[in-house]
Amino acid sequence: MKFRLHPILVPFFLVLMVTGGLAFYALVFISLLFHEAGHIFAAKLSGMKVRSCTIMPYGGELRIPDRYAYGKRQRVSVAIGGPAATAILLLLSMLFDFPGDEQFMRIQLVILALNLLPILPLDGGQAVSVLLEKEEKKYKMRSAFLIYSITVLVAVILLLLLGLPETVLFVALALFLLIQNISAFKFRKYEQAYEQLKRKQLTS
């Protein structure tokens, strides 16, 4: 399995280092790694093969070949694996005292709350999207959920702009998520064609 950091993390972490210091930067990075480890662990338990893992500002992204060929339970398990790992860190920070525990607790709360939002490509959105799927209308449902996510993110960005400069990191993150969703929407038909081709190959 390949492991890499998304280039967007460079300016994101530079801002964190300037505004919060190296200790804060280290806590955020460790928290993101642990969050993604939860996804990987859930994927392994579900029998899914992970080709690569990319750390993002909000968590990460797993590249799982033929992801949609797996069952709903497996895909939902992978989606909630990250938030479950973050929830464990949050619980540990509440039960045990250690230097910087309040800051560490706030980081886990932000990562957990962010990833549970029901919008793509966040974990909450991934889980809801899978649960809403119906075999006969799954492609239309995926497209509709992408449109919903894009609409919500545009509204969120407009609201966050009112709070600048304090909300600059959240604006940047929302823009990044918006771009990801627009890209996914543009390539949805290619993904659908590929998925149907793979299904034909497996059944022929």
N, C-alpha and C. Protein backbone atom coordinates (compact mmCIF):
# COMPACT_ATOMS: atom_id res chain seq x y z
N MET A 1 0.83 -1.20 0.00
CA MET A 1 0.00 0.00 0.00
C MET A 1 0.87 1.25 0.00
N LYS A 2 0.56 2.17 -0.89
CA LYS A 2 1.30 3.43 -0.97
C LYS A 2 0.70 4.45 0.00
N PHE A 3 1.56 5.27 0.56
CA PHE A 3 1.13 6.30 1.51
C PHE A 3 1.70 7.64 1.07
N ARG A 4 0.86 8.68 1.01
CA ARG A 4 1.37 9.98 0.61
C ARG A 4 0.56 11.09 1.26
N LEU A 5 1.11 12.29 1.23
CA LEU A 5 0.44 13.48 1.73
C LEU A 5 -0.05 14.30 0.54
N HIS A 6 -1.26 14.80 0.61
CA HIS A 6 -1.78 15.64 -0.47
C HIS A 6 -1.06 16.99 -0.44
N PRO A 7 -0.71 17.55 -1.61
CA PRO A 7 0.00 18.85 -1.67
C PRO A 7 -0.73 19.98 -0.94
N ILE A 8 -2.05 19.89 -0.82
CA ILE A 8 -2.83 20.94 -0.15
C ILE A 8 -2.43 21.06 1.31
N LEU A 9 -1.81 20.00 1.87
CA LEU A 9 -1.40 20.04 3.26
C LEU A 9 -0.27 21.02 3.52
N VAL A 10 0.53 21.31 2.50
CA VAL A 10 1.68 22.20 2.69
C VAL A 10 1.24 23.59 3.16
N PRO A 11 0.41 24.32 2.40
CA PRO A 11 -0.04 25.64 2.91
C PRO A 11 -0.90 25.52 4.16
N PHE A 12 -1.69 24.44 4.25
CA PHE A 12 -2.55 24.23 5.42
C PHE A 12 -1.71 24.13 6.69
N PHE A 13 -0.67 23.31 6.66
CA PHE A 13 0.17 23.12 7.83
C PHE A 13 1.06 24.34 8.10
N LEU A 14 1.44 25.06 7.06
CA LEU A 14 2.22 26.28 7.26
C LEU A 14 1.43 27.30 8.07
N VAL A 15 0.15 27.42 7.75
CA VAL A 15 -0.72 28.34 8.50
C VAL A 15 -0.85 27.85 9.95
N LEU A 16 -1.01 26.54 10.13
CA LEU A 16 -1.13 25.99 11.48
C LEU A 16 0.15 26.24 12.29
N MET A 17 1.30 26.10 11.64
CA MET A 17 2.57 26.31 12.33
C MET A 17 2.73 27.76 12.77
N VAL A 18 2.26 28.67 11.92
CA VAL A 18 2.39 30.10 12.22
C VAL A 18 1.40 30.52 13.30
N THR A 19 0.16 30.03 13.18
CA THR A 19 -0.90 30.46 14.11
C THR A 19 -0.94 29.65 15.40
N GLY A 20 -0.59 28.39 15.32
CA GLY A 20 -0.71 27.55 16.51
C GLY A 20 0.58 27.00 17.05
N GLY A 21 1.66 27.10 16.28
CA GLY A 21 2.94 26.59 16.74
C GLY A 21 3.18 25.15 16.32
N LEU A 22 4.42 24.70 16.47
CA LEU A 22 4.82 23.36 16.05
C LEU A 22 4.10 22.27 16.82
N ALA A 23 3.84 22.52 18.11
CA ALA A 23 3.18 21.50 18.93
C ALA A 23 1.76 21.26 18.42
N PHE A 24 1.06 22.33 18.09
CA PHE A 24 -0.30 22.22 17.57
C PHE A 24 -0.28 21.50 16.23
N TYR A 25 0.68 21.85 15.39
CA TYR A 25 0.84 21.21 14.07
C TYR A 25 1.06 19.70 14.23
N ALA A 26 1.91 19.32 15.19
CA ALA A 26 2.21 17.90 15.42
C ALA A 26 0.97 17.15 15.90
N LEU A 27 0.18 17.78 16.77
CA LEU A 27 -1.03 17.14 17.29
C LEU A 27 -2.06 16.92 16.17
N VAL A 28 -2.20 17.90 15.30
CA VAL A 28 -3.14 17.78 14.18
C VAL A 28 -2.70 16.65 13.25
N PHE A 29 -1.42 16.61 12.94
CA PHE A 29 -0.90 15.61 12.02
C PHE A 29 -1.06 14.19 12.58
N ILE A 30 -0.73 14.02 13.86
CA ILE A 30 -0.89 12.71 14.51
C ILE A 30 -2.37 12.30 14.51
N SER A 31 -3.24 13.27 14.76
CA SER A 31 -4.67 12.99 14.80
C SER A 31 -5.19 12.54 13.44
N LEU A 32 -4.71 13.18 12.37
CA LEU A 32 -5.12 12.81 11.02
C LEU A 32 -4.62 11.41 10.66
N LEU A 33 -3.39 11.09 11.07
CA LEU A 33 -2.84 9.76 10.80
C LEU A 33 -3.65 8.68 11.52
N PHE A 34 -4.00 8.94 12.76
CA PHE A 34 -4.77 7.96 13.53
C PHE A 34 -6.17 7.80 12.94
N HIS A 35 -6.75 8.90 12.50
CA HIS A 35 -8.08 8.86 11.86
C HIS A 35 -8.04 7.97 10.62
N GLU A 36 -7.01 8.15 9.81
CA GLU A 36 -6.91 7.37 8.59
C GLU A 36 -6.58 5.91 8.88
N ALA A 37 -5.84 5.67 9.95
CA ALA A 37 -5.55 4.29 10.35
C ALA A 37 -6.85 3.55 10.67
N GLY A 38 -7.83 4.29 11.21
CA GLY A 38 -9.14 3.69 11.48
C GLY A 38 -9.82 3.23 10.21
N HIS A 39 -9.72 4.02 9.15
CA HIS A 39 -10.30 3.63 7.85
C HIS A 39 -9.60 2.38 7.31
N ILE A 40 -8.27 2.38 7.38
CA ILE A 40 -7.50 1.25 6.85
C ILE A 40 -7.81 -0.03 7.62
N PHE A 41 -7.89 0.08 8.95
CA PHE A 41 -8.21 -1.08 9.78
C PHE A 41 -9.59 -1.63 9.44
N ALA A 42 -10.57 -0.73 9.25
CA ALA A 42 -11.93 -1.16 8.89
C ALA A 42 -11.96 -1.82 7.52
N ALA A 43 -11.16 -1.27 6.59
CA ALA A 43 -11.10 -1.85 5.24
C ALA A 43 -10.51 -3.26 5.29
N LYS A 44 -9.46 -3.44 6.08
CA LYS A 44 -8.83 -4.75 6.19
C LYS A 44 -9.81 -5.76 6.82
N LEU A 45 -10.54 -5.33 7.85
CA LEU A 45 -11.51 -6.21 8.50
C LEU A 45 -12.64 -6.59 7.54
N SER A 46 -12.95 -5.67 6.62
CA SER A 46 -14.04 -5.91 5.67
C SER A 46 -13.59 -6.68 4.44
N GLY A 47 -12.31 -7.01 4.38
CA GLY A 47 -11.79 -7.76 3.24
C GLY A 47 -11.55 -6.93 2.01
N MET A 48 -11.42 -5.61 2.17
CA MET A 48 -11.19 -4.71 1.04
C MET A 48 -9.70 -4.44 0.89
N LYS A 49 -9.23 -4.45 -0.33
CA LYS A 49 -7.82 -4.21 -0.60
C LYS A 49 -7.56 -2.72 -0.80
N VAL A 50 -6.68 -2.17 0.00
CA VAL A 50 -6.34 -0.74 -0.08
C VAL A 50 -5.08 -0.58 -0.90
N ARG A 51 -5.18 0.16 -2.00
CA ARG A 51 -4.02 0.35 -2.86
C ARG A 51 -3.16 1.52 -2.39
N SER A 52 -3.81 2.60 -1.93
CA SER A 52 -3.04 3.76 -1.46
C SER A 52 -3.86 4.54 -0.44
N CYS A 53 -3.14 5.35 0.33
CA CYS A 53 -3.75 6.20 1.35
C CYS A 53 -3.17 7.60 1.22
N THR A 54 -4.03 8.58 1.04
CA THR A 54 -3.59 9.97 0.91
C THR A 54 -4.16 10.78 2.07
N ILE A 55 -3.28 11.40 2.85
CA ILE A 55 -3.70 12.22 3.98
C ILE A 55 -4.17 13.58 3.48
N MET A 56 -5.39 13.95 3.87
CA MET A 56 -6.00 15.22 3.50
C MET A 56 -6.12 16.10 4.74
N PRO A 57 -6.48 17.38 4.58
CA PRO A 57 -6.65 18.25 5.76
C PRO A 57 -7.75 17.78 6.70
N TYR A 58 -8.76 17.08 6.18
CA TYR A 58 -9.88 16.65 7.01
C TYR A 58 -9.76 15.20 7.47
N GLY A 59 -8.80 14.46 6.94
CA GLY A 59 -8.64 13.05 7.28
C GLY A 59 -7.80 12.37 6.22
N GLY A 60 -8.45 11.69 5.31
CA GLY A 60 -7.69 11.04 4.26
C GLY A 60 -8.59 10.45 3.20
N GLU A 61 -7.96 9.85 2.23
CA GLU A 61 -8.68 9.23 1.12
C GLU A 61 -8.00 7.91 0.79
N LEU A 62 -8.78 6.84 0.83
CA LEU A 62 -8.27 5.53 0.48
C LEU A 62 -8.59 5.23 -0.98
N ARG A 63 -7.65 4.65 -1.67
CA ARG A 63 -7.91 4.19 -3.03
C ARG A 63 -8.11 2.69 -2.96
N ILE A 64 -9.36 2.29 -3.15
CA ILE A 64 -9.74 0.89 -3.09
C ILE A 64 -10.25 0.46 -4.46
N PRO A 65 -9.50 -0.38 -5.17
CA PRO A 65 -9.94 -0.82 -6.50
C PRO A 65 -11.33 -1.45 -6.46
N ASP A 66 -12.17 -1.06 -7.42
CA ASP A 66 -13.53 -1.60 -7.52
C ASP A 66 -14.30 -1.46 -6.20
N ARG A 67 -14.20 -0.29 -5.61
CA ARG A 67 -14.86 -0.02 -4.32
C ARG A 67 -16.36 -0.35 -4.36
N TYR A 68 -17.02 0.02 -5.46
CA TYR A 68 -18.47 -0.14 -5.53
C TYR A 68 -18.90 -1.59 -5.76
N ALA A 69 -17.93 -2.47 -5.97
CA ALA A 69 -18.27 -3.89 -6.12
C ALA A 69 -18.51 -4.54 -4.75
N TYR A 70 -18.08 -3.87 -3.69
CA TYR A 70 -18.27 -4.40 -2.34
C TYR A 70 -19.67 -4.06 -1.83
N GLY A 71 -20.10 -4.78 -0.82
CA GLY A 71 -21.43 -4.58 -0.26
C GLY A 71 -21.57 -3.30 0.53
N LYS A 72 -22.81 -2.94 0.82
CA LYS A 72 -23.10 -1.72 1.58
C LYS A 72 -22.46 -1.75 2.96
N ARG A 73 -22.59 -2.89 3.64
CA ARG A 73 -22.06 -2.98 5.01
C ARG A 73 -20.55 -2.75 5.03
N GLN A 74 -19.85 -3.30 4.05
CA GLN A 74 -18.40 -3.12 3.99
C GLN A 74 -18.04 -1.66 3.76
N ARG A 75 -18.73 -1.00 2.83
CA ARG A 75 -18.41 0.40 2.51
C ARG A 75 -18.78 1.35 3.64
N VAL A 76 -19.89 1.07 4.33
CA VAL A 76 -20.26 1.90 5.48
C VAL A 76 -19.25 1.71 6.61
N SER A 77 -18.80 0.47 6.81
CA SER A 77 -17.81 0.19 7.86
C SER A 77 -16.52 0.98 7.63
N VAL A 78 -16.08 1.04 6.37
CA VAL A 78 -14.88 1.79 6.05
C VAL A 78 -15.10 3.29 6.29
N ALA A 79 -16.28 3.77 5.92
CA ALA A 79 -16.59 5.19 6.08
C ALA A 79 -16.57 5.62 7.54
N ILE A 80 -17.09 4.78 8.43
CA ILE A 80 -17.16 5.17 9.84
C ILE A 80 -15.92 4.75 10.63
N GLY A 81 -15.00 4.03 9.97
CA GLY A 81 -13.78 3.60 10.65
C GLY A 81 -12.94 4.76 11.13
N GLY A 82 -12.84 5.80 10.30
CA GLY A 82 -12.06 6.99 10.67
C GLY A 82 -12.65 7.73 11.85
N PRO A 83 -13.94 8.11 11.79
CA PRO A 83 -14.57 8.76 12.95
C PRO A 83 -14.51 7.92 14.22
N ALA A 84 -14.60 6.59 14.07
CA ALA A 84 -14.51 5.72 15.25
C ALA A 84 -13.14 5.84 15.89
N ALA A 85 -12.09 5.88 15.06
CA ALA A 85 -10.73 6.03 15.59
C ALA A 85 -10.56 7.37 16.28
N THR A 86 -11.10 8.42 15.67
CA THR A 86 -11.03 9.76 16.27
C THR A 86 -11.80 9.81 17.59
N ALA A 87 -12.95 9.12 17.63
CA ALA A 87 -13.74 9.07 18.86
C ALA A 87 -12.96 8.37 19.98
N ILE A 88 -12.18 7.36 19.63
CA ILE A 88 -11.34 6.68 20.62
C ILE A 88 -10.30 7.63 21.18
N LEU A 89 -9.65 8.41 20.30
CA LEU A 89 -8.67 9.40 20.76
C LEU A 89 -9.32 10.44 21.66
N LEU A 90 -10.53 10.86 21.28
CA LEU A 90 -11.26 11.85 22.08
C LEU A 90 -11.56 11.29 23.47
N LEU A 91 -11.99 10.04 23.51
CA LEU A 91 -12.28 9.39 24.79
C LEU A 91 -11.04 9.27 25.66
N LEU A 92 -9.92 8.90 25.05
CA LEU A 92 -8.67 8.78 25.80
C LEU A 92 -8.22 10.13 26.36
N SER A 93 -8.42 11.20 25.56
CA SER A 93 -8.03 12.53 26.02
C SER A 93 -8.91 13.01 27.17
N MET A 94 -10.12 12.45 27.27
CA MET A 94 -11.02 12.81 28.36
C MET A 94 -10.75 11.99 29.63
N LEU A 95 -10.21 10.79 29.45
CA LEU A 95 -9.98 9.90 30.59
C LEU A 95 -8.61 10.09 31.23
N PHE A 96 -7.62 10.50 30.43
CA PHE A 96 -6.26 10.59 30.94
C PHE A 96 -5.72 12.02 30.81
N ASP A 97 -4.95 12.43 31.78
CA ASP A 97 -4.32 13.75 31.76
C ASP A 97 -2.92 13.67 31.18
N PHE A 98 -2.62 14.56 30.27
CA PHE A 98 -1.28 14.66 29.71
C PHE A 98 -1.10 16.08 29.18
N PRO A 99 0.15 16.52 28.99
CA PRO A 99 0.39 17.89 28.52
C PRO A 99 -0.35 18.19 27.22
N GLY A 100 -1.07 19.29 27.19
CA GLY A 100 -1.77 19.69 25.97
C GLY A 100 -3.05 18.94 25.72
N ASP A 101 -3.60 18.29 26.77
CA ASP A 101 -4.78 17.44 26.56
C ASP A 101 -6.01 18.23 26.13
N GLU A 102 -6.17 19.47 26.62
CA GLU A 102 -7.33 20.28 26.22
C GLU A 102 -7.27 20.62 24.73
N GLN A 103 -6.08 20.99 24.28
CA GLN A 103 -5.90 21.29 22.86
C GLN A 103 -6.10 20.04 22.02
N PHE A 104 -5.57 18.94 22.48
CA PHE A 104 -5.72 17.67 21.78
C PHE A 104 -7.20 17.28 21.69
N MET A 105 -7.95 17.51 22.76
CA MET A 105 -9.37 17.19 22.80
C MET A 105 -10.13 18.04 21.78
N ARG A 106 -9.80 19.32 21.70
CA ARG A 106 -10.47 20.22 20.75
C ARG A 106 -10.20 19.78 19.31
N ILE A 107 -8.97 19.34 19.04
CA ILE A 107 -8.62 18.87 17.69
C ILE A 107 -9.47 17.67 17.31
N GLN A 108 -9.63 16.72 18.25
CA GLN A 108 -10.44 15.53 17.97
C GLN A 108 -11.91 15.90 17.74
N LEU A 109 -12.40 16.85 18.51
CA LEU A 109 -13.79 17.30 18.34
C LEU A 109 -14.02 17.91 16.98
N VAL A 110 -13.05 18.72 16.53
CA VAL A 110 -13.18 19.36 15.21
C VAL A 110 -13.14 18.32 14.10
N ILE A 111 -12.16 17.40 14.16
CA ILE A 111 -12.03 16.36 13.14
C ILE A 111 -13.27 15.46 13.12
N LEU A 112 -13.76 15.11 14.31
CA LEU A 112 -14.93 14.24 14.40
C LEU A 112 -16.18 14.95 13.86
N ALA A 113 -16.41 16.18 14.31
CA ALA A 113 -17.59 16.93 13.87
C ALA A 113 -17.56 17.18 12.37
N LEU A 114 -16.38 17.52 11.86
CA LEU A 114 -16.24 17.79 10.43
C LEU A 114 -16.55 16.56 9.61
N ASN A 115 -15.98 15.42 10.00
CA ASN A 115 -16.13 14.21 9.19
C ASN A 115 -17.51 13.57 9.31
N LEU A 116 -18.27 13.92 10.32
CA LEU A 116 -19.62 13.38 10.45
C LEU A 116 -20.65 14.19 9.68
N LEU A 117 -20.24 15.32 9.10
CA LEU A 117 -21.17 16.10 8.29
C LEU A 117 -21.64 15.27 7.10
N PRO A 118 -22.94 15.28 6.80
CA PRO A 118 -23.48 14.44 5.71
C PRO A 118 -23.28 15.04 4.33
N ILE A 119 -22.04 15.35 3.99
CA ILE A 119 -21.71 15.84 2.65
C ILE A 119 -20.47 15.11 2.15
N LEU A 120 -20.41 14.93 0.84
CA LEU A 120 -19.25 14.28 0.23
C LEU A 120 -18.11 15.27 0.10
N PRO A 121 -16.85 14.81 0.15
CA PRO A 121 -16.41 13.42 0.31
C PRO A 121 -16.14 13.03 1.76
N LEU A 122 -16.73 13.76 2.71
CA LEU A 122 -16.50 13.47 4.12
C LEU A 122 -17.12 12.12 4.50
N ASP A 123 -16.67 11.58 5.63
CA ASP A 123 -17.09 10.23 6.03
C ASP A 123 -18.60 10.13 6.23
N GLY A 124 -19.19 11.15 6.84
CA GLY A 124 -20.63 11.14 7.03
C GLY A 124 -21.36 11.09 5.71
N GLY A 125 -20.88 11.87 4.75
CA GLY A 125 -21.48 11.88 3.41
C GLY A 125 -21.30 10.54 2.71
N GLN A 126 -20.14 9.93 2.87
CA GLN A 126 -19.89 8.61 2.26
C GLN A 126 -20.86 7.58 2.81
N ALA A 127 -21.05 7.59 4.13
CA ALA A 127 -21.94 6.61 4.75
C ALA A 127 -23.39 6.82 4.31
N VAL A 128 -23.84 8.08 4.34
CA VAL A 128 -25.23 8.38 3.94
C VAL A 128 -25.46 8.03 2.47
N SER A 129 -24.48 8.35 1.62
CA SER A 129 -24.60 8.05 0.19
C SER A 129 -24.77 6.56 -0.05
N VAL A 130 -24.01 5.75 0.67
CA VAL A 130 -24.11 4.29 0.52
C VAL A 130 -25.47 3.80 1.01
N LEU A 131 -25.92 4.31 2.15
CA LEU A 131 -27.19 3.87 2.73
C LEU A 131 -28.39 4.25 1.85
N LEU A 132 -28.27 5.34 1.10
CA LEU A 132 -29.36 5.79 0.24
C LEU A 132 -29.41 5.05 -1.09
N GLU A 133 -28.34 4.33 -1.40
CA GLU A 133 -28.27 3.64 -2.68
C GLU A 133 -29.34 2.56 -2.82
N LYS A 134 -29.93 2.52 -3.99
CA LYS A 134 -30.82 1.43 -4.38
C LYS A 134 -30.32 0.93 -5.73
N GLU A 135 -30.26 -0.37 -5.88
CA GLU A 135 -29.62 -0.96 -7.04
C GLU A 135 -30.12 -0.38 -8.35
N GLU A 136 -31.44 -0.17 -8.46
CA GLU A 136 -31.99 0.29 -9.74
C GLU A 136 -31.77 1.78 -9.99
N LYS A 137 -31.44 2.54 -8.93
CA LYS A 137 -31.27 3.99 -9.10
C LYS A 137 -29.98 4.50 -8.46
N LYS A 138 -28.99 3.63 -8.30
CA LYS A 138 -27.82 4.03 -7.54
C LYS A 138 -27.00 5.12 -8.23
N TYR A 139 -26.93 5.12 -9.57
CA TYR A 139 -26.15 6.13 -10.27
C TYR A 139 -26.82 7.50 -10.18
N LYS A 140 -28.14 7.52 -10.29
CA LYS A 140 -28.88 8.77 -10.14
C LYS A 140 -28.76 9.30 -8.71
N MET A 141 -28.79 8.38 -7.75
CA MET A 141 -28.67 8.77 -6.34
C MET A 141 -27.29 9.36 -6.05
N ARG A 142 -26.25 8.76 -6.60
CA ARG A 142 -24.90 9.29 -6.40
C ARG A 142 -24.78 10.69 -6.99
N SER A 143 -25.32 10.87 -8.20
CA SER A 143 -25.28 12.19 -8.85
C SER A 143 -26.05 13.22 -8.04
N ALA A 144 -27.23 12.83 -7.55
CA ALA A 144 -28.05 13.74 -6.76
C ALA A 144 -27.35 14.13 -5.46
N PHE A 145 -26.66 13.17 -4.84
CA PHE A 145 -25.97 13.47 -3.59
C PHE A 145 -24.76 14.36 -3.82
N LEU A 146 -24.12 14.21 -4.97
CA LEU A 146 -23.02 15.11 -5.33
C LEU A 146 -23.53 16.54 -5.52
N ILE A 147 -24.65 16.68 -6.20
CA ILE A 147 -25.24 18.01 -6.41
C ILE A 147 -25.62 18.64 -5.06
N TYR A 148 -26.21 17.82 -4.19
CA TYR A 148 -26.55 18.29 -2.85
C TYR A 148 -25.30 18.78 -2.10
N SER A 149 -24.22 17.99 -2.15
CA SER A 149 -22.98 18.34 -1.46
C SER A 149 -22.39 19.62 -2.01
N ILE A 150 -22.41 19.77 -3.33
CA ILE A 150 -21.89 20.99 -3.97
C ILE A 150 -22.69 22.21 -3.53
N THR A 151 -24.00 22.08 -3.49
CA THR A 151 -24.88 23.18 -3.09
C THR A 151 -24.63 23.60 -1.65
N VAL A 152 -24.52 22.61 -0.76
CA VAL A 152 -24.27 22.89 0.66
C VAL A 152 -22.92 23.58 0.84
N LEU A 153 -21.90 23.10 0.15
CA LEU A 153 -20.56 23.68 0.29
C LEU A 153 -20.51 25.11 -0.22
N VAL A 154 -21.21 25.41 -1.31
CA VAL A 154 -21.26 26.79 -1.81
C VAL A 154 -21.89 27.70 -0.75
N ALA A 155 -22.98 27.24 -0.13
CA ALA A 155 -23.64 28.02 0.91
C ALA A 155 -22.73 28.22 2.12
N VAL A 156 -22.01 27.15 2.50
CA VAL A 156 -21.09 27.22 3.64
C VAL A 156 -19.96 28.21 3.37
N ILE A 157 -19.41 28.18 2.17
CA ILE A 157 -18.32 29.08 1.81
C ILE A 157 -18.79 30.53 1.89
N LEU A 158 -19.97 30.81 1.39
CA LEU A 158 -20.51 32.18 1.43
C LEU A 158 -20.68 32.66 2.87
N LEU A 159 -21.11 31.76 3.75
CA LEU A 159 -21.26 32.12 5.17
C LEU A 159 -19.90 32.34 5.83
N LEU A 160 -18.95 31.46 5.51
CA LEU A 160 -17.61 31.57 6.11
C LEU A 160 -16.89 32.83 5.67
N LEU A 161 -17.17 33.30 4.46
CA LEU A 161 -16.53 34.52 3.96
C LEU A 161 -16.86 35.72 4.84
N LEU A 162 -18.01 35.66 5.50
CA LEU A 162 -18.42 36.76 6.37
C LEU A 162 -17.54 36.85 7.63
N GLY A 163 -16.89 35.75 7.95
CA GLY A 163 -16.08 35.72 9.16
C GLY A 163 -14.59 35.90 8.95
N LEU A 164 -14.18 36.20 7.70
CA LEU A 164 -12.75 36.40 7.42
C LEU A 164 -12.19 37.54 8.27
N PRO A 165 -10.90 37.49 8.69
CA PRO A 165 -9.89 36.47 8.33
C PRO A 165 -9.86 35.26 9.27
N GLU A 166 -10.69 35.27 10.34
CA GLU A 166 -10.64 34.19 11.32
C GLU A 166 -11.02 32.83 10.70
N THR A 167 -11.83 32.85 9.65
CA THR A 167 -12.32 31.59 9.06
C THR A 167 -11.54 31.16 7.83
N VAL A 168 -10.36 31.74 7.62
CA VAL A 168 -9.62 31.48 6.37
C VAL A 168 -9.31 30.00 6.15
N LEU A 169 -8.96 29.27 7.23
CA LEU A 169 -8.65 27.84 7.09
C LEU A 169 -9.90 27.05 6.69
N PHE A 170 -11.02 27.40 7.28
CA PHE A 170 -12.26 26.69 6.97
C PHE A 170 -12.74 27.01 5.55
N VAL A 171 -12.51 28.25 5.11
CA VAL A 171 -12.85 28.62 3.73
C VAL A 171 -12.02 27.80 2.75
N ALA A 172 -10.71 27.70 3.04
CA ALA A 172 -9.81 26.94 2.17
C ALA A 172 -10.22 25.47 2.12
N LEU A 173 -10.58 24.91 3.28
CA LEU A 173 -10.98 23.51 3.34
C LEU A 173 -12.29 23.29 2.58
N ALA A 174 -13.25 24.19 2.75
CA ALA A 174 -14.53 24.06 2.05
C ALA A 174 -14.35 24.18 0.54
N LEU A 175 -13.46 25.07 0.12
CA LEU A 175 -13.16 25.21 -1.32
C LEU A 175 -12.54 23.93 -1.87
N PHE A 176 -11.65 23.34 -1.10
CA PHE A 176 -11.01 22.10 -1.51
C PHE A 176 -12.04 20.98 -1.67
N LEU A 177 -12.96 20.87 -0.71
CA LEU A 177 -14.02 19.87 -0.79
C LEU A 177 -14.94 20.13 -1.98
N LEU A 178 -15.22 21.40 -2.23
CA LEU A 178 -16.07 21.77 -3.36
C LEU A 178 -15.44 21.35 -4.68
N ILE A 179 -14.15 21.61 -4.83
CA ILE A 179 -13.44 21.23 -6.06
C ILE A 179 -13.45 19.71 -6.24
N GLN A 180 -13.27 18.98 -5.15
CA GLN A 180 -13.30 17.52 -5.23
C GLN A 180 -14.67 17.02 -5.71
N ASN A 181 -15.73 17.62 -5.20
CA ASN A 181 -17.07 17.20 -5.60
C ASN A 181 -17.38 17.56 -7.05
N ILE A 182 -16.95 18.73 -7.48
CA ILE A 182 -17.17 19.13 -8.86
C ILE A 182 -16.43 18.19 -9.80
N SER A 183 -15.19 17.83 -9.43
CA SER A 183 -14.42 16.89 -10.24
C SER A 183 -15.10 15.53 -10.29
N ALA A 184 -15.62 15.06 -9.14
CA ALA A 184 -16.31 13.76 -9.10
C ALA A 184 -17.58 13.81 -9.95
N PHE A 185 -18.27 14.94 -9.94
CA PHE A 185 -19.49 15.07 -10.73
C PHE A 185 -19.19 15.04 -12.23
N LYS A 186 -18.09 15.67 -12.62
CA LYS A 186 -17.71 15.69 -14.03
C LYS A 186 -17.36 14.30 -14.55
N PHE A 187 -16.74 13.49 -13.70
CA PHE A 187 -16.27 12.18 -14.13
C PHE A 187 -17.20 11.04 -13.73
N ARG A 188 -18.41 11.37 -13.25
CA ARG A 188 -19.33 10.34 -12.77
C ARG A 188 -19.72 9.35 -13.86
N LYS A 189 -19.89 9.82 -15.12
CA LYS A 189 -20.30 8.93 -16.20
C LYS A 189 -19.20 7.95 -16.57
N TYR A 190 -17.95 8.40 -16.49
CA TYR A 190 -16.83 7.50 -16.77
C TYR A 190 -16.74 6.43 -15.69
N GLU A 191 -16.98 6.85 -14.44
CA GLU A 191 -16.95 5.91 -13.33
C GLU A 191 -18.07 4.88 -13.48
N GLN A 192 -19.24 5.34 -13.90
CA GLN A 192 -20.37 4.45 -14.11
C GLN A 192 -20.08 3.43 -15.22
N ALA A 193 -19.51 3.92 -16.32
CA ALA A 193 -19.19 3.03 -17.45
C ALA A 193 -18.15 1.99 -17.04
N TYR A 194 -17.15 2.42 -16.27
CA TYR A 194 -16.11 1.50 -15.81
C TYR A 194 -16.69 0.45 -14.87
N GLU A 195 -17.55 0.89 -13.97
CA GLU A 195 -18.16 -0.04 -13.02
C GLU A 195 -19.02 -1.08 -13.74
N GLN A 196 -19.78 -0.64 -14.75
CA GLN A 196 -20.63 -1.56 -15.51
C GLN A 196 -19.79 -2.54 -16.32
N LEU A 197 -18.66 -2.05 -16.87
CA LEU A 197 -17.77 -2.93 -17.62
C LEU A 197 -17.17 -4.00 -16.72
N LYS A 198 -16.72 -3.61 -15.53
CA LYS A 198 -16.15 -4.57 -14.59
C LYS A 198 -17.19 -5.61 -14.18
N ARG A 199 -18.43 -5.17 -14.01
CA ARG A 199 -19.48 -6.09 -13.61
C ARG A 199 -19.76 -7.12 -14.70
N LYS A 200 -19.73 -6.67 -15.96
CA LYS A 200 -19.93 -7.58 -17.09
C LYS A 200 -18.81 -8.61 -17.17
N GLN A 201 -17.58 -8.15 -16.90
CA GLN A 201 -16.44 -9.06 -16.95
C GLN A 201 -16.53 -10.12 -15.85
N LEU A 202 -17.04 -9.72 -14.69
CA LEU A 202 -17.14 -10.66 -13.58
C LEU A 202 -18.26 -11.67 -13.78
N THR A 203 -19.30 -11.28 -14.50
CA THR A 203 -20.46 -12.16 -14.68
C THR A 203 -20.41 -12.97 -15.97
N SER A 204 -19.47 -12.59 -16.86
CA SER A 204 -19.40 -13.31 -18.17
C SER A 204 -18.56 -14.59 -18.02
